[in-house]
PDB file of N, CA and C in Angstrom:
ATOM      1  N   MET A   1      38.211 -71.044-222.298  1.00  0.00           N
ATOM      2  CA  MET A   1      36.628 -71.760-222.409  1.00  0.00           C
ATOM      3  C   MET A   1      36.378 -70.275-222.005  1.00  0.00           C
ATOM      4  N   SER A   2      35.395 -69.755-223.538  1.00  0.00           N
ATOM      5  CA  SER A   2      34.404 -68.844-223.219  1.00  0.00           C
ATOM      6  C   SER A   2      32.983 -68.475-222.608  1.00  0.00           C
ATOM      7  N   LEU A   3      32.723 -68.031-222.126  1.00  0.00           N
ATOM      8  CA  LEU A   3      31.487 -67.167-221.631  1.00  0.00           C
ATOM      9  C   LEU A   3      30.288 -68.315-222.015  1.00  0.00           C
ATOM     10  N   ALA A   4      29.551 -68.652-223.374  1.00  0.00           N
ATOM     11  CA  ALA A   4      28.914 -69.095-223.191  1.00  0.00           C
ATOM     12  C   ALA A   4      29.421 -70.666-222.742  1.00  0.00           C
ATOM     13  N   ASP A   5      30.481 -71.085-223.051  1.00  0.00           N
ATOM     14  CA  ASP A   5      30.660 -72.859-223.062  1.00  0.00           C
ATOM     15  C   ASP A   5      30.464 -72.851-220.660  1.00  0.00           C
ATOM     16  N   ALA A   6      31.115 -71.486-220.546  1.00  0.00           N
ATOM     17  CA  ALA A   6      31.154 -71.850-219.173  1.00  0.00           C
ATOM     18  C   ALA A   6      29.529 -71.949-218.739  1.00  0.00           C
ATOM     19  N   ILE A   7      29.114 -71.342-219.230  1.00  0.00           N
ATOM     20  CA  ILE A   7      27.123 -70.827-219.145  1.00  0.00           C
ATOM     21  C   ILE A   7      26.702 -72.594-219.701  1.00  0.00           C
ATOM     22  N   ILE A   8      27.033 -73.073-220.407  1.00  0.00           N
ATOM     23  CA  ILE A   8      26.185 -74.211-220.641  1.00  0.00           C
ATOM     24  C   ILE A   8      27.093 -75.323-219.534  1.00  0.00           C
ATOM     25  N   THR A   9      28.032 -75.402-219.183  1.00  0.00           N
ATOM     26  CA  THR A   9      28.464 -76.047-218.526  1.00  0.00           C
ATOM     27  C   THR A   9      27.731 -76.086-217.165  1.00  0.00           C
ATOM     28  N   GLY A  10      27.672 -74.591-216.639  1.00  0.00           N
ATOM     29  CA  GLY A  10      26.397 -74.800-215.139  1.00  0.00           C
ATOM     30  C   GLY A  10      25.484 -75.032-215.203  1.00  0.00           C
ATOM     31  N   LEU A  11      24.925 -74.842-216.340  1.00  0.00           N
ATOM     32  CA  LEU A  11      23.218 -75.674-216.430  1.00  0.00           C
ATOM     33  C   LEU A  11      23.162 -76.785-216.785  1.00  0.00           C
ATOM     34  N   GLN A  12      24.333 -77.239-217.389  1.00  0.00           N
ATOM     35  CA  GLN A  12      23.990 -78.757-217.191  1.00  0.00           C
ATOM     36  C   GLN A  12      24.548 -79.721-215.937  1.00  0.00           C
ATOM     37  N   THR A  13      25.859 -79.434-215.173  1.00  0.00           N
ATOM     38  CA  THR A  13      25.972 -79.092-213.874  1.00  0.00           C
ATOM     39  C   THR A  13      24.542 -79.140-213.109  1.00  0.00           C
ATOM     40  N   THR A  14      24.148 -78.112-212.779  1.00  0.00           N
ATOM     41  CA  THR A  14      22.781 -77.752-212.004  1.00  0.00           C
ATOM     42  C   THR A  14      21.684 -78.825-212.735  1.00  0.00           C
ATOM     43  N   VAL A  15      21.587 -79.496-213.539  1.00  0.00           N
ATOM     44  CA  VAL A  15      20.096 -79.972-214.098  1.00  0.00           C
ATOM     45  C   VAL A  15      20.669 -81.437-214.262  1.00  0.00           C
ATOM     46  N   VAL A  16      21.893 -82.251-213.915  1.00  0.00           N
ATOM     47  CA  VAL A  16      22.456 -83.087-213.459  1.00  0.00           C
ATOM     48  C   VAL A  16      22.089 -83.158-211.699  1.00  0.00           C
ATOM     49  N   GLY A  17      22.557 -81.706-211.522  1.00  0.00           N
ATOM     50  CA  GLY A  17      22.305 -81.798-209.982  1.00  0.00           C
ATOM     51  C   GLY A  17      21.030 -82.048-209.249  1.00  0.00           C
ATOM     52  N   LEU A  18      19.927 -81.773-209.616  1.00  0.00           N
ATOM     53  CA  LEU A  18      18.689 -81.519-209.454  1.00  0.00           C
ATOM     54  C   LEU A  18      17.954 -83.102-209.945  1.00  0.00           C
ATOM     55  N   CYS A  19      18.350 -83.454-211.581  1.00  0.00           N
ATOM     56  CA  CYS A  19      18.173 -84.969-211.597  1.00  0.00           C
ATOM     57  C   CYS A  19      18.724 -86.116-210.385  1.00  0.00           C
ATOM     58  N   THR A  20      19.703 -85.482-210.512  1.00  0.00           N
ATOM     59  CA  THR A  20      20.227 -86.684-208.857  1.00  0.00           C
ATOM     60  C   THR A  20      19.584 -86.792-207.634  1.00  0.00           C
ATOM     61  N   VAL A  21      18.961 -85.361-207.013  1.00  0.00           N
ATOM     62  CA  VAL A  21      18.350 -85.026-205.905  1.00  0.00           C
ATOM     63  C   VAL A  21      16.906 -85.688-205.857  1.00  0.00           C
ATOM     64  N   PHE A  22      16.128 -85.663-207.335  1.00  0.00           N
ATOM     65  CA  PHE A  22      14.531 -85.506-207.218  1.00  0.00           C
ATOM     66  C   PHE A  22      14.732 -87.736-207.537  1.00  0.00           C
ATOM     67  N   ALA A  23      15.690 -87.750-208.066  1.00  0.00           N
ATOM     68  CA  ALA A  23      15.775 -89.153-208.305  1.00  0.00           C
ATOM     69  C   ALA A  23      15.969 -90.226-206.586  1.00  0.00           C
ATOM     70  N   VAL A  24      16.512 -89.689-206.239  1.00  0.00           N
ATOM     71  CA  VAL A  24      17.204 -89.843-204.556  1.00  0.00           C
ATOM     72  C   VAL A  24      15.572 -90.275-204.002  1.00  0.00           C
ATOM     73  N   LEU A  25      15.050 -88.529-203.615  1.00  0.00           N
ATOM     74  CA  LEU A  25      14.028 -88.195-203.054  1.00  0.00           C
ATOM     75  C   LEU A  25      12.701 -89.235-204.055  1.00  0.00           C
ATOM     76  N   ILE A  26      13.038 -90.088-205.222  1.00  0.00           N
ATOM     77  CA  ILE A  26      11.506 -90.479-205.300  1.00  0.00           C
ATOM     78  C   ILE A  26      12.223 -92.139-204.959  1.00  0.00           C
ATOM     79  N   ILE A  27      13.257 -92.589-205.088  1.00  0.00           N
ATOM     80  CA  ILE A  27      13.662 -93.861-204.588  1.00  0.00           C
ATOM     81  C   ILE A  27      13.494 -93.966-202.704  1.00  0.00           C
ATOM     82  N   LEU A  28      13.449 -93.092-202.282  1.00  0.00           N
ATOM     83  CA  LEU A  28      13.061 -92.230-200.649  1.00  0.00           C
ATOM     84  C   LEU A  28      11.656 -92.931-200.901  1.00  0.00           C
ATOM     85  N   MET A  29      11.025 -91.959-201.191  1.00  0.00           N
ATOM     86  CA  MET A  29       9.514 -92.308-201.225  1.00  0.00           C
ATOM     87  C   MET A  29       8.729 -93.689-201.254  1.00  0.00           C
ATOM     88  N   LEU A  30       9.979 -94.118-202.742  1.00  0.00           N
ATOM     89  CA  LEU A  30       9.590 -95.694-203.129  1.00  0.00           C
ATOM     90  C   LEU A  30      10.023 -96.643-201.670  1.00  0.00           C
ATOM     91  N   VAL A  31      10.836 -96.669-201.143  1.00  0.00           N
ATOM     92  CA  VAL A  31      11.283 -97.532-199.554  1.00  0.00           C
ATOM     93  C   VAL A  31      10.523 -97.224-198.998  1.00  0.00           C
ATOM     94  N   LEU A  32      10.137 -95.951-198.448  1.00  0.00           N
ATOM     95  CA  LEU A  32       8.823 -95.801-197.466  1.00  0.00           C
ATOM     96  C   LEU A  32       7.554 -96.323-197.679  1.00  0.00           C
ATOM     97  N   LYS A  33       7.369 -96.374-199.135  1.00  0.00           N
ATOM     98  CA  LYS A  33       6.272 -97.044-199.661  1.00  0.00           C
ATOM     99  C   LYS A  33       6.136 -98.427-199.277  1.00  0.00           C
ATOM    100  N   VAL A  34       7.596 -99.151-199.797  1.00  0.00           N
ATOM    101  CA  VAL A  34       7.296-100.640-199.281  1.00  0.00           C
ATOM    102  C   VAL A  34       7.542-100.429-197.623  1.00  0.00           C
ATOM    103  N   PHE A  35       7.684-100.119-196.957  1.00  0.00           N
ATOM    104  CA  PHE A  35       8.305-100.225-195.196  1.00  0.00           C
ATOM    105  C   PHE A  35       6.777-100.270-195.345  1.00  0.00           C
ATOM    106  N   ASP A  36       5.374 -99.421-195.834  1.00  0.00           N
ATOM    107  CA  ASP A  36       4.792 -99.158-195.125  1.00  0.00           C
ATOM    108  C   ASP A  36       3.639-100.332-195.529  1.00  0.00           C
ATOM    109  N   VAL A  37       3.682-101.183-196.333  1.00  0.00           N
ATOM    110  CA  VAL A  37       3.128-102.236-196.752  1.00  0.00           C
ATOM    111  C   VAL A  37       3.490-103.489-196.187  1.00  0.00           C
ATOM    112  N   ILE A  38       4.652-103.528-195.404  1.00  0.00           N
ATOM    113  CA  ILE A  38       5.444-104.428-195.548  1.00  0.00           C
ATOM    114  C   ILE A  38       4.656-104.872-193.775  1.00  0.00           C
ATOM    115  N   PHE A  39       5.373-102.985-192.870  1.00  0.00           N
ATOM    116  CA  PHE A  39       4.970-103.446-191.177  1.00  0.00           C
ATOM    117  C   PHE A  39       3.890-102.879-191.042  1.00  0.00           C
ATOM    118  N   TYR A  40       2.400-102.080-192.150  1.00  0.00           N
ATOM    119  CA  TYR A  40       1.945-101.939-191.066  1.00  0.00           C
ATOM    120  C   TYR A  40       0.481-102.756-192.090  1.00  0.00           C
ATOM    121  N   LYS A  41      -0.488-103.202-191.366  1.00  0.00           N
ATOM    122  CA  LYS A  41      -1.522-104.078-191.729  1.00  0.00           C
ATOM    123  C   LYS A  41      -2.391-103.286-192.015  1.00  0.00           C
ATOM    124  N   PRO A  42      -3.346-103.228-192.873  1.00  0.00           N
ATOM    125  CA  PRO A  42      -4.648-102.350-193.220  1.00  0.00           C
ATOM    126  C   PRO A  42      -5.496-102.899-191.672  1.00  0.00           C
ATOM    127  N   LEU A  43      -6.634-102.186-191.445  1.00  0.00           N
ATOM    128  CA  LEU A  43      -7.334-102.073-190.160  1.00  0.00           C
ATOM    129  C   LEU A  43      -8.702-102.669-190.821  1.00  0.00           C
ATOM    130  N   LYS A  44      -9.395-103.850-190.292  1.00  0.00           N
ATOM    131  CA  LYS A  44     -10.271-103.929-190.662  1.00  0.00           C
ATOM    132  C   LYS A  44     -11.847-103.034-190.866  1.00  0.00           C
ATOM    133  N   PRO A  45     -12.709-102.735-191.687  1.00  0.00           N
ATOM    134  CA  PRO A  45     -13.847-101.796-190.952  1.00  0.00           C
ATOM    135  C   PRO A  45     -14.607-101.630-189.321  1.00  0.00           C
ATOM    136  N   ALA A  46     -14.443-103.427-188.791  1.00  0.00           N
ATOM    137  CA  ALA A  46     -15.021-103.645-187.783  1.00  0.00           C
ATOM    138  C   ALA A  46     -13.731-103.367-186.917  1.00  0.00           C
ATOM    139  N   GLN A  47     -12.696-103.531-186.723  1.00  0.00           N
ATOM    140  CA  GLN A  47     -11.492-103.174-185.887  1.00  0.00           C
ATOM    141  C   GLN A  47     -11.737-101.439-185.595  1.00  0.00           C
ATOM    142  N   LYS A  48     -11.255-100.146-187.292  1.00  0.00           N
ATOM    143  CA  LYS A  48     -11.686 -99.237-186.863  1.00  0.00           C
ATOM    144  C   LYS A  48     -12.732 -98.806-185.969  1.00  0.00           C
ATOM    145  N   GLU A  49     -13.544 -99.398-185.672  1.00  0.00           N
ATOM    146  CA  GLU A  49     -14.947 -99.145-185.602  1.00  0.00           C
ATOM    147  C   GLU A  49     -14.214 -98.944-183.494  1.00  0.00           C
ATOM    148  N   GLU A  50     -13.660-100.496-182.876  1.00  0.00           N
ATOM    149  CA  GLU A  50     -13.801-100.476-181.941  1.00  0.00           C
ATOM    150  C   GLU A  50     -12.356 -99.560-181.804  1.00  0.00           C
ATOM    151  N   VAL A  51     -11.624 -99.147-182.235  1.00  0.00           N
ATOM    152  CA  VAL A  51     -10.430 -98.338-181.990  1.00  0.00           C
ATOM    153  C   VAL A  51     -11.059 -96.796-181.829  1.00  0.00           C
ATOM    154  N   LYS A  52     -12.079 -96.185-182.978  1.00  0.00           N
ATOM    155  CA  LYS A  52     -12.609 -94.750-182.161  1.00  0.00           C
ATOM    156  C   LYS A  52     -13.248 -95.416-180.887  1.00  0.00           C
ATOM    157  N   THR A  53     -13.780 -96.179-180.870  1.00  0.00           N
ATOM    158  CA  THR A  53     -14.969 -96.037-179.482  1.00  0.00           C
ATOM    159  C   THR A  53     -13.740 -96.151-177.976  1.00  0.00           C
ATOM    160  N   GLU A  54     -12.542 -96.619-178.161  1.00  0.00           N
ATOM    161  CA  GLU A  54     -11.702 -97.355-177.682  1.00  0.00           C
ATOM    162  C   GLU A  54     -11.695 -96.004-176.700  1.00  0.00           C
ATOM    163  N   LYS A  55     -11.844 -95.683-175.345  1.00  0.00           N
ATOM    164  CA  LYS A  55     -10.820 -94.515-174.350  1.00  0.00           C
ATOM    165  C   LYS A  55      -9.725 -94.864-173.862  1.00  0.00           C
ATOM    166  N   VAL A  56      -9.255 -94.163-173.120  1.00  0.00           N
ATOM    167  CA  VAL A  56      -8.491 -94.193-172.634  1.00  0.00           C
ATOM    168  C   VAL A  56      -8.960 -93.909-171.236  1.00  0.00           C
ATOM    169  N   VAL A  57      -8.900 -94.750-170.120  1.00  0.00           N
ATOM    170  CA  VAL A  57      -9.154 -94.414-168.477  1.00  0.00           C
ATOM    171  C   VAL A  57      -8.555 -94.005-167.611  1.00  0.00           C
ATOM    172  N   PRO A  58      -7.747 -92.771-167.174  1.00  0.00           N
ATOM    173  CA  PRO A  58      -6.718 -92.924-166.461  1.00  0.00           C
ATOM    174  C   PRO A  58      -7.698 -93.009-165.162  1.00  0.00           C
ATOM    175  N   VAL A  59      -6.770 -93.632-164.329  1.00  0.00           N
ATOM    176  CA  VAL A  59      -7.020 -94.262-162.763  1.00  0.00           C
ATOM    177  C   VAL A  59      -5.683 -93.361-162.452  1.00  0.00           C
ATOM    178  N   VAL A  60      -6.654 -92.608-161.120  1.00  0.00           N
ATOM    179  CA  VAL A  60      -5.650 -92.337-160.418  1.00  0.00           C
ATOM    180  C   VAL A  60      -5.451 -92.549-159.132  1.00  0.00           C
ATOM    181  N   LYS A  61      -4.777 -93.457-158.670  1.00  0.00           N
ATOM    182  CA  LYS A  61      -4.391 -94.247-157.341  1.00  0.00           C
ATOM    183  C   LYS A  61      -3.856 -94.103-156.566  1.00  0.00           C
ATOM    184  N   ALA A  62      -4.322 -93.390-155.206  1.00  0.00           N
ATOM    185  CA  ALA A  62      -3.727 -92.953-154.223  1.00  0.00           C
ATOM    186  C   ALA A  62      -4.254 -92.844-152.551  1.00  0.00           C
ATOM    187  N   PRO A  63      -4.049 -92.643-152.079  1.00  0.00           N
ATOM    188  CA  PRO A  63      -4.812 -93.411-150.381  1.00  0.00           C
ATOM    189  C   PRO A  63      -5.560 -91.811-150.572  1.00  0.00           C
ATOM    190  N   VAL A  64      -7.016 -92.318-150.471  1.00  0.00           N
ATOM    191  CA  VAL A  64      -7.752 -91.088-149.922  1.00  0.00           C
ATOM    192  C   VAL A  64      -7.355 -91.128-148.525  1.00  0.00           C
ATOM    193  N   ALA A  65      -6.819 -89.161-148.784  1.00  0.00           N
ATOM    194  CA  ALA A  65      -7.338 -88.745-147.747  1.00  0.00           C
ATOM    195  C   ALA A  65      -8.571 -88.671-146.566  1.00  0.00           C
ATOM    196  N   GLN A  66      -8.684 -89.119-145.176  1.00  0.00           N
ATOM    197  CA  GLN A  66      -9.952 -88.756-144.797  1.00  0.00           C
ATOM    198  C   GLN A  66     -10.235 -87.126-144.135  1.00  0.00           C
ATOM    199  N   SER A  67     -11.640 -86.416-144.508  1.00  0.00           N
ATOM    200  CA  SER A  67     -11.397 -85.444-144.350  1.00  0.00           C
ATOM    201  C   SER A  67     -13.193 -84.719-143.799  1.00  0.00           C
ATOM    202  N   ALA A  68     -13.159 -83.747-142.792  1.00  0.00           N
ATOM    203  CA  ALA A  68     -14.938 -84.086-142.031  1.00  0.00           C
ATOM    204  C   ALA A  68     -15.488 -83.702-142.730  1.00  0.00           C
ATOM    205  N   GLU A  69     -15.647 -82.562-143.882  1.00  0.00           N
ATOM    206  CA  GLU A  69     -16.436 -82.386-145.094  1.00  0.00           C
ATOM    207  C   GLU A  69     -16.578 -83.559-146.311  1.00  0.00           C
ATOM    208  N   SER A  70     -17.245 -84.324-146.183  1.00  0.00           N
ATOM    209  CA  SER A  70     -17.167 -84.969-147.497  1.00  0.00           C
ATOM    210  C   SER A  70     -17.711 -84.535-149.063  1.00  0.00           C
ATOM    211  N   GLU A  71     -18.438 -83.353-149.092  1.00  0.00           N
ATOM    212  CA  GLU A  71     -18.808 -82.246-150.061  1.00  0.00           C
ATOM    213  C   GLU A  71     -17.826 -81.581-150.528  1.00  0.00           C
ATOM    214  N   ASP A  72     -16.862 -81.145-149.477  1.00  0.00           N
ATOM    215  CA  ASP A  72     -15.267 -81.036-150.504  1.00  0.00           C
ATOM    216  C   ASP A  72     -14.792 -81.879-151.457  1.00  0.00           C
ATOM    217  N   ASP A  73     -14.774 -82.754-150.931  1.00  0.00           N
ATOM    218  CA  ASP A  73     -14.250 -83.965-151.332  1.00  0.00           C
ATOM    219  C   ASP A  73     -14.839 -84.475-152.890  1.00  0.00           C
ATOM    220  N   GLU A  74     -16.399 -84.566-152.986  1.00  0.00           N
ATOM    221  CA  GLU A  74     -17.268 -84.395-153.810  1.00  0.00           C
ATOM    222  C   GLU A  74     -16.825 -83.503-154.987  1.00  0.00           C
ATOM    223  N   GLU A  75     -16.804 -82.009-154.475  1.00  0.00           N
ATOM    224  CA  GLU A  75     -16.701 -81.411-155.522  1.00  0.00           C
ATOM    225  C   GLU A  75     -15.026 -81.597-155.854  1.00  0.00           C
ATOM    226  N   LEU A  76     -14.090 -81.309-155.494  1.00  0.00           N
ATOM    227  CA  LEU A  76     -12.487 -81.368-155.784  1.00  0.00           C
ATOM    228  C   LEU A  76     -12.472 -83.157-156.469  1.00  0.00           C
ATOM    229  N   ILE A  77     -13.727 -83.937-156.168  1.00  0.00           N
ATOM    230  CA  ILE A  77     -13.595 -85.546-157.331  1.00  0.00           C
ATOM    231  C   ILE A  77     -13.931 -84.606-158.526  1.00  0.00           C
ATOM    232  N   ALA A  78     -15.343 -83.733-158.258  1.00  0.00           N
ATOM    233  CA  ALA A  78     -15.920 -83.382-159.811  1.00  0.00           C
ATOM    234  C   ALA A  78     -15.202 -82.358-160.777  1.00  0.00           C
ATOM    235  N   VAL A  79     -13.969 -81.711-160.435  1.00  0.00           N
ATOM    236  CA  VAL A  79     -13.093 -80.580-160.737  1.00  0.00           C
ATOM    237  C   VAL A  79     -12.310 -81.134-161.903  1.00  0.00           C
ATOM    238  N   LEU A  80     -11.010 -82.725-160.649  1.00  0.00           N
ATOM    239  CA  LEU A  80     -10.241 -83.190-161.081  1.00  0.00           C
ATOM    240  C   LEU A  80     -10.707 -84.088-162.344  1.00  0.00           C
ATOM    241  N   THR A  81     -12.001 -84.967-162.176  1.00  0.00           N
ATOM    242  CA  THR A  81     -12.855 -85.375-162.969  1.00  0.00           C
ATOM    243  C   THR A  81     -13.012 -84.599-164.693  1.00  0.00           C
ATOM    244  N   ALA A  82     -13.614 -83.611-164.342  1.00  0.00           N
ATOM    245  CA  ALA A  82     -13.384 -81.972-165.759  1.00  0.00           C
ATOM    246  C   ALA A  82     -12.693 -82.145-166.221  1.00  0.00           C
ATOM    247  N   ALA A  83     -11.202 -81.523-165.263  1.00  0.00           N
ATOM    248  CA  ALA A  83      -9.509 -81.283-166.052  1.00  0.00           C
ATOM    249  C   ALA A  83      -9.473 -82.626-166.942  1.00  0.00           C
ATOM    250  N   ILE A  84      -9.727 -83.603-166.565  1.00  0.00           N
ATOM    251  CA  ILE A  84      -8.814 -84.780-166.605  1.00  0.00           C
ATOM    252  C   ILE A  84      -9.764 -85.204-168.064  1.00  0.00           C
ATOM    253  N   ALA A  85     -11.295 -85.406-168.175  1.00  0.00           N
ATOM    254  CA  ALA A  85     -11.949 -84.916-169.583  1.00  0.00           C
ATOM    255  C   ALA A  85     -11.900 -84.531-170.458  1.00  0.00           C
ATOM    256  N   ALA A  86     -11.713 -82.921-169.891  1.00  0.00           N
ATOM    257  CA  ALA A  86     -11.369 -81.975-170.652  1.00  0.00           C
ATOM    258  C   ALA A  86     -10.058 -82.312-171.521  1.00  0.00           C
ATOM    259  N   SER A  87      -8.874 -82.055-170.799  1.00  0.00           N
ATOM    260  CA  SER A  87      -7.701 -82.519-171.775  1.00  0.00           C
ATOM    261  C   SER A  87      -7.562 -83.469-172.245  1.00  0.00           C
ATOM    262  N   LEU A  88      -7.727 -84.774-172.247  1.00  0.00           N
ATOM    263  CA  LEU A  88      -8.809 -85.838-172.727  1.00  0.00           C
ATOM    264  C   LEU A  88      -9.501 -85.695-174.298  1.00  0.00           C
ATOM    265  N   ASN A  89     -10.017 -84.788-174.296  1.00  0.00           N
ATOM    266  CA  ASN A  89     -11.315 -84.395-175.562  1.00  0.00           C
ATOM    267  C   ASN A  89     -12.348 -85.308-174.930  1.00  0.00           C
ATOM    268  N   THR A  90     -12.583 -85.954-174.031  1.00  0.00           N
ATOM    269  CA  THR A  90     -13.898 -87.122-173.977  1.00  0.00           C
ATOM    270  C   THR A  90     -14.583 -86.134-172.706  1.00  0.00           C
ATOM    271  N   THR A  91     -15.633 -87.560-172.595  1.00  0.00           N
ATOM    272  CA  THR A  91     -16.888 -87.033-171.550  1.00  0.00           C
ATOM    273  C   THR A  91     -16.257 -87.452-170.022  1.00  0.00           C
ATOM    274  N   THR A  92     -17.051 -86.537-168.954  1.00  0.00           N
ATOM    275  CA  THR A  92     -16.777 -87.387-167.705  1.00  0.00           C
ATOM    276  C   THR A  92     -17.622 -88.859-167.379  1.00  0.00           C
ATOM    277  N   TYR A  93     -18.707 -89.270-168.113  1.00  0.00           N
ATOM    278  CA  TYR A  93     -18.841 -90.594-168.108  1.00  0.00           C
ATOM    279  C   TYR A  93     -17.695 -91.421-168.637  1.00  0.00           C
ATOM    280  N   ASN A  94     -17.507 -90.937-169.298  1.00  0.00           N
ATOM    281  CA  ASN A  94     -16.228 -92.746-169.599  1.00  0.00           C
ATOM    282  C   ASN A  94     -14.500 -91.931-168.351  1.00  0.00           C
ATOM    283  N   LEU A  95     -15.011 -91.482-167.336  1.00  0.00           N
ATOM    284  CA  LEU A  95     -14.216 -91.253-166.671  1.00  0.00           C
ATOM    285  C   LEU A  95     -14.578 -92.050-165.158  1.00  0.00           C
ATOM    286  N   LYS A  96     -13.899 -92.512-164.140  1.00  0.00           N
ATOM    287  CA  LYS A  96     -13.648 -92.191-162.972  1.00  0.00           C
ATOM    288  C   LYS A  96     -12.904 -92.853-162.358  1.00  0.00           C
ATOM    289  N   ILE A  97     -12.740 -91.865-161.404  1.00  0.00           N
ATOM    290  CA  ILE A  97     -11.588 -91.455-160.343  1.00  0.00           C
ATOM    291  C   ILE A  97     -11.823 -92.132-159.120  1.00  0.00           C
ATOM    292  N   LYS A  98     -10.879 -92.720-158.739  1.00  0.00           N
ATOM    293  CA  LYS A  98     -11.383 -94.101-157.649  1.00  0.00           C
ATOM    294  C   LYS A  98     -10.484 -93.835-156.153  1.00  0.00           C
ATOM    295  N   SER A  99      -9.213 -92.818-156.501  1.00  0.00           N
ATOM    296  CA  SER A  99      -8.754 -91.605-155.008  1.00  0.00           C
ATOM    297  C   SER A  99      -7.955 -90.514-155.893  1.00  0.00           C
ATOM    298  N   TYR A 100      -7.355 -90.120-154.835  1.00  0.00           N
ATOM    299  CA  TYR A 100      -6.597 -88.992-155.102  1.00  0.00           C
ATOM    300  C   TYR A 100      -5.869 -88.425-154.253  1.00  0.00           C
ATOM    301  N   ARG A 101      -5.120 -87.562-154.469  1.00  0.00           N
ATOM    302  CA  ARG A 101      -3.932 -87.672-153.018  1.00  0.00           C
ATOM    303  C   ARG A 101      -2.834 -86.103-153.615  1.00  0.00           C
ATOM    304  N   ARG A 102      -3.260 -85.444-152.574  1.00  0.00           N
ATOM    305  CA  ARG A 102      -2.209 -83.488-153.269  1.00  0.00           C
ATOM    306  C   ARG A 102      -0.335 -84.397-152.773  1.00  0.00           C
ATOM    307  N   ILE A 103      -0.254 -84.094-154.251  1.00  0.00           N
ATOM    308  CA  ILE A 103       1.897 -83.936-154.173  1.00  0.00           C
ATOM    309  C   ILE A 103       2.506 -82.995-153.640  1.00  0.00           C
ATOM    310  N   SER A 104       3.327 -83.105-152.893  1.00  0.00           N
ATOM    311  CA  SER A 104       3.807 -82.026-152.096  1.00  0.00           C
ATOM    312  C   SER A 104       4.546 -81.101-153.417  1.00  0.00           C
ATOM    313  N   ASN A 105       4.715 -79.711-153.349  1.00  0.00           N
ATOM    314  CA  ASN A 105       5.793 -78.965-154.211  1.00  0.00           C
ATOM    315  C   ASN A 105       6.985 -78.680-153.844  1.00  0.00           C
ATOM    316  N   ASN A 106       7.658 -79.459-153.828  1.00  0.00           N
ATOM    317  CA  ASN A 106       9.104 -79.033-153.571  1.00  0.00           C
ATOM    318  C   ASN A 106       9.871 -78.136-155.117  1.00  0.00           C
ATOM    319  N   THR A 107       9.040 -77.380-155.239  1.00  0.00           N
ATOM    320  CA  THR A 107      10.258 -76.420-156.703  1.00  0.00           C
ATOM    321  C   THR A 107      10.858 -74.884-155.631  1.00  0.00           C
ATOM    322  N   PRO A 108      11.388 -74.642-156.459  1.00  0.00           N
ATOM    323  CA  PRO A 108      12.764 -73.554-156.138  1.00  0.00           C
ATOM    324  C   PRO A 108      11.632 -72.727-156.101  1.00  0.00           C
ATOM    325  N   ALA A 109      12.241 -71.556-155.363  1.00  0.00           N
ATOM    326  CA  ALA A 109      11.289 -70.225-155.371  1.00  0.00           C
ATOM    327  C   ALA A 109      11.053 -69.500-156.808  1.00  0.00           C
ATOM    328  N   TRP A 110      12.505 -69.755-157.185  1.00  0.00           N
ATOM    329  CA  TRP A 110      12.479 -69.225-158.682  1.00  0.00           C
ATOM    330  C   TRP A 110      11.800 -69.391-159.357  1.00  0.00           C
ATOM    331  N   ASN A 111      11.502 -71.048-159.385  1.00  0.00           N
ATOM    332  CA  ASN A 111      10.550 -71.268-160.685  1.00  0.00           C
ATOM    333  C   ASN A 111       9.085 -70.845-159.651  1.00  0.00           C
ATOM    334  N   LYS A 112       8.351 -70.740-158.915  1.00  0.00           N
ATOM    335  CA  LYS A 112       7.770 -70.491-158.613  1.00  0.00           C
ATOM    336  C   LYS A 112       7.167 -69.023-158.854  1.00  0.00           C
ATOM    337  N   ALA A 113       8.263 -68.449-158.466  1.00  0.00           N
ATOM    338  CA  ALA A 113       7.719 -66.953-158.885  1.00  0.00           C
ATOM    339  C   ALA A 113       7.611 -67.017-160.947  1.00  0.00           C
ATOM    340  N   GLY A 114       8.692 -67.260-160.753  1.00  0.00           N
ATOM    341  CA  GLY A 114       8.417 -67.780-162.834  1.00  0.00           C
ATOM    342  C   GLY A 114       7.166 -67.683-163.311  1.00  0.00           C
ATOM    343  N   ILE A 115       6.641 -69.240-162.621  1.00  0.00           N
ATOM    344  CA  ILE A 115       5.211 -69.479-163.032  1.00  0.00           C
ATOM    345  C   ILE A 115       4.483 -68.548-162.580  1.00  0.00           C
ATOM    346  N   LYS A 116       4.389 -67.539-161.529  1.00  0.00           N
ATOM    347  CA  LYS A 116       3.065 -66.515-161.597  1.00  0.00           C
ATOM    348  C   LYS A 116       3.574 -65.649-162.265  1.00  0.00           C
ATOM    349  N   GLU A 117       4.580 -65.171-162.310  1.00  0.00           N
ATOM    350  CA  GLU A 117       4.451 -63.928-163.779  1.00  0.00           C
ATOM    351  C   GLU A 117       4.375 -64.822-164.747  1.00  0.00           C
ATOM    352  N   THR A 118       4.737 -65.815-165.044  1.00  0.00           N
ATOM    353  CA  THR A 118       3.940 -65.861-166.467  1.00  0.00           C
ATOM    354  C   THR A 118       2.548 -66.117-167.013  1.00  0.00           C
ATOM    355  N   ILE A 119       1.681 -66.661-165.661  1.00  0.00           N
ATOM    356  CA  ILE A 119       0.076 -66.340-165.263  1.00  0.00           C
ATOM    357  C   ILE A 119       0.002 -65.365-165.196  1.00  0.00           C
ATOM    358  N   GLU A 120       0.377 -64.664-164.709  1.00  0.00           N
ATOM    359  CA  GLU A 120      -0.191 -63.226-164.354  1.00  0.00           C
ATOM    360  C   GLU A 120      -0.216 -62.585-165.682  1.00  0.00           C
ATOM    361  N   SER A 121       0.969 -62.419-166.499  1.00  0.00           N
ATOM    362  CA  SER A 121       1.604 -61.810-167.637  1.00  0.00           C
ATOM    363  C   SER A 121       0.125 -62.122-168.839  1.00  0.00           C
ATOM    364  N   ARG A 122      -0.469 -63.668-168.700  1.00  0.00           N
ATOM    365  CA  ARG A 122      -1.421 -63.820-169.694  1.00  0.00           C
ATOM    366  C   ARG A 122      -3.176 -63.214-169.456  1.00  0.00           C
ATOM    367  N   TYR A 123      -2.892 -62.635-168.691  1.00  0.00           N
ATOM    368  CA  TYR A 123      -4.158 -62.167-167.580  1.00  0.00           C
ATOM    369  C   TYR A 123      -4.321 -59.981-167.931  1.00  0.00           C
TER     370      TYR A 123
END
């Protein structure tokens, strides 16, 4: 086998391999399109608007601890509402916090130190 024959055989193998790969990719794309048509039904225009205006309103359910100063509670509820609204990219008017409670912090000392170090390294 001469050098020219080896190059031609290599090019033929390359072309056949590339054609096979792209043929399989096209078949896979068509199968996914068929699945899209079968399993996903398009929303009507009225349904699209309902989905856009529908907001998930988280409710923090827990017993409220009685405190001497209600102003501190109101301030804490305002801060919690603002934090939840910021994380959900919505306004505070769409949220209503019914109750709140402080959770215990049972994390190990090495974890607390790592969190503190990470926070301090950012500032």
